[in-house]
C-alpha atoms as a PDB file:
ATOM      1  CA  MET A   1     -24.593 -11.693  -9.582  1.00  0.00           C
ATOM      2  CA  ASP A   2     -25.536  -9.162 -12.071  1.00  0.00           C
ATOM      3  CA  GLU A   3     -23.186  -6.520 -13.632  1.00  0.00           C
ATOM      4  CA  LYS A   4     -24.003  -3.368 -11.455  1.00  0.00           C
ATOM      5  CA  THR A   5     -23.827  -5.534  -8.220  1.00  0.00           C
ATOM      6  CA  ARG A   6     -20.173  -6.997  -9.324  1.00  0.00           C
ATOM      7  CA  ILE A   7     -19.317  -3.427 -10.114  1.00  0.00           C
ATOM      8  CA  LYS A   8     -20.499  -2.039  -6.624  1.00  0.00           C
ATOM      9  CA  LYS A   9     -18.633  -4.925  -4.968  1.00  0.00           C
ATOM     10  CA  ASP A  10     -15.364  -3.986  -6.786  1.00  0.00           C
ATOM     11  CA  ILE A  11     -15.664  -0.249  -6.010  1.00  0.00           C
ATOM     12  CA  ASP A  12     -16.075  -1.388  -2.195  1.00  0.00           C
ATOM     13  CA  LEU A  13     -12.907  -3.605  -2.487  1.00  0.00           C
ATOM     14  CA  PHE A  14     -11.040  -0.775  -4.028  1.00  0.00           C
ATOM     15  CA  GLU A  15     -11.985   1.455  -1.184  1.00  0.00           C
ATOM     16  CA  ASP A  16     -10.925  -1.313   1.343  1.00  0.00           C
ATOM     17  CA  ASN A  17      -7.557  -1.723  -0.668  1.00  0.00           C
ATOM     18  CA  LEU A  18      -6.994   2.131  -0.759  1.00  0.00           C
ATOM     19  CA  GLU A  19      -7.473   2.161   3.129  1.00  0.00           C
ATOM     20  CA  LYS A  20      -4.899  -0.835   3.541  1.00  0.00           C
ATOM     21  CA  LEU A  21      -2.610   1.074   1.538  1.00  0.00           C
ATOM     22  CA  ASN A  22      -2.920   4.357   3.785  1.00  0.00           C
ATOM     23  CA  LYS A  23      -2.272   2.379   6.851  1.00  0.00           C
ATOM     24  CA  LYS A  24       0.931   0.790   5.593  1.00  0.00           C
ATOM     25  CA  ASN A  25       4.102   2.600   5.711  1.00  0.00           C
ATOM     26  CA  LEU A  26       5.039   2.185   2.195  1.00  0.00           C
ATOM     27  CA  ILE A  27       7.154   4.419  -0.118  1.00  0.00           C
ATOM     28  CA  TYR A  28       5.437   5.070  -3.308  1.00  0.00           C
ATOM     29  CA  ASP A  29       4.806   7.613  -5.926  1.00  0.00           C
ATOM     30  CA  SER A  30       1.641   9.531  -4.732  1.00  0.00           C
ATOM     31  CA  ARG A  31       0.744  10.103  -8.465  1.00  0.00           C
ATOM     32  CA  VAL A  32       0.022   6.417  -8.982  1.00  0.00           C
ATOM     33  CA  VAL A  33      -2.451   6.501  -6.086  1.00  0.00           C
ATOM     34  CA  GLU A  34      -3.987   9.715  -7.684  1.00  0.00           C
ATOM     35  CA  LEU A  35      -4.410   8.074 -11.028  1.00  0.00           C
ATOM     36  CA  ALA A  36      -5.915   4.930  -9.217  1.00  0.00           C
ATOM     37  CA  THR A  37      -8.303   7.069  -7.456  1.00  0.00           C
ATOM     38  CA  GLN A  38      -9.289   8.876 -10.714  1.00  0.00           C
ATOM     39  CA  TYR A  39     -10.097   5.653 -12.197  1.00  0.00           C
ATOM     40  CA  TYR A  40     -12.143   4.883  -9.311  1.00  0.00           C
ATOM     41  CA  ASN A  41     -14.005   7.836  -9.417  1.00  0.00           C
ATOM     42  CA  ASP A  42     -14.386   7.438 -13.363  1.00  0.00           C
ATOM     43  CA  SER A  43     -15.902   4.039 -12.408  1.00  0.00           C
ATOM     44  CA  ILE A  44     -18.494   5.529 -10.272  1.00  0.00           C
ATOM     45  CA  TYR A  45     -19.575   7.804 -12.700  1.00  0.00           C
ATOM     46  CA  TYR A  46     -20.009   5.242 -15.567  1.00  0.00           C
ATOM     47  CA  LEU A  47     -22.075   3.095 -13.275  1.00  0.00           C
ATOM     48  CA  GLU A  48     -24.270   6.081 -12.455  1.00  0.00           C
ATOM     49  CA  LYS A  49     -24.596   6.321 -16.296  1.00  0.00           C
ATOM     50  CA  ASN A  50     -25.553   2.600 -16.528  1.00  0.00           C
ATOM     51  CA  ASP A  51     -22.432   1.893 -18.681  1.00  0.00           C
ATOM     52  CA  TYR A  52     -21.314  -1.284 -17.052  1.00  0.00           C
ATOM     53  CA  PHE A  53     -18.502  -1.932 -19.279  1.00  0.00           C
ATOM     54  CA  THR A  54     -16.590   1.030 -18.885  1.00  0.00           C
ATOM     55  CA  ALA A  55     -17.367   1.388 -15.274  1.00  0.00           C
ATOM     56  CA  PHE A  56     -15.842  -2.395 -14.686  1.00  0.00           C
ATOM     57  CA  GLY A  57     -12.847  -1.662 -16.898  1.00  0.00           C
ATOM     58  CA  CYS A  58     -12.165   1.756 -14.917  1.00  0.00           C
ATOM     59  CA  VAL A  59     -12.261   0.231 -11.594  1.00  0.00           C
ATOM     60  CA  ASN A  60      -9.938  -2.667 -12.622  1.00  0.00           C
ATOM     61  CA  TYR A  61      -7.475  -0.246 -13.786  1.00  0.00           C
ATOM     62  CA  GLY A  62      -7.431   1.227 -10.444  1.00  0.00           C
ATOM     63  CA  HIS A  63      -7.290  -2.161  -8.805  1.00  0.00           C
ATOM     64  CA  GLY A  64      -4.128  -2.886 -10.949  1.00  0.00           C
ATOM     65  CA  LEU A  65      -2.227   0.128  -9.986  1.00  0.00           C
ATOM     66  CA  LEU A  66      -2.785  -0.183  -6.327  1.00  0.00           C
ATOM     67  CA  ASP A  67      -1.841  -4.098  -6.463  1.00  0.00           C
ATOM     68  CA  ALA A  68       1.222  -2.913  -8.266  1.00  0.00           C
ATOM     69  CA  ILE A  69       2.315  -0.777  -5.035  1.00  0.00           C
ATOM     70  CA  ILE A  70       1.177  -2.967  -2.476  1.00  0.00           C
ATOM     71  CA  LYS A  71       2.883  -6.101  -3.997  1.00  0.00           C
ATOM     72  CA  PHE A  72       5.915  -4.439  -5.357  1.00  0.00           C
END
């Protein structure tokens, strides 16, 4: 799988995880979700600029923040 396809897959996964989080009745600081979403948006921006390294890093930071909320 090439870099661009991999990043798009991770972006789709982030969207799915955000939707799952919104369906759960968890108590969490919404600022963390806001920050994760900002990283997600940054990932899309850098993907459009063909900066795959930065795009991949951004979406993974977003995943980490969502995972922390969901798992803990």
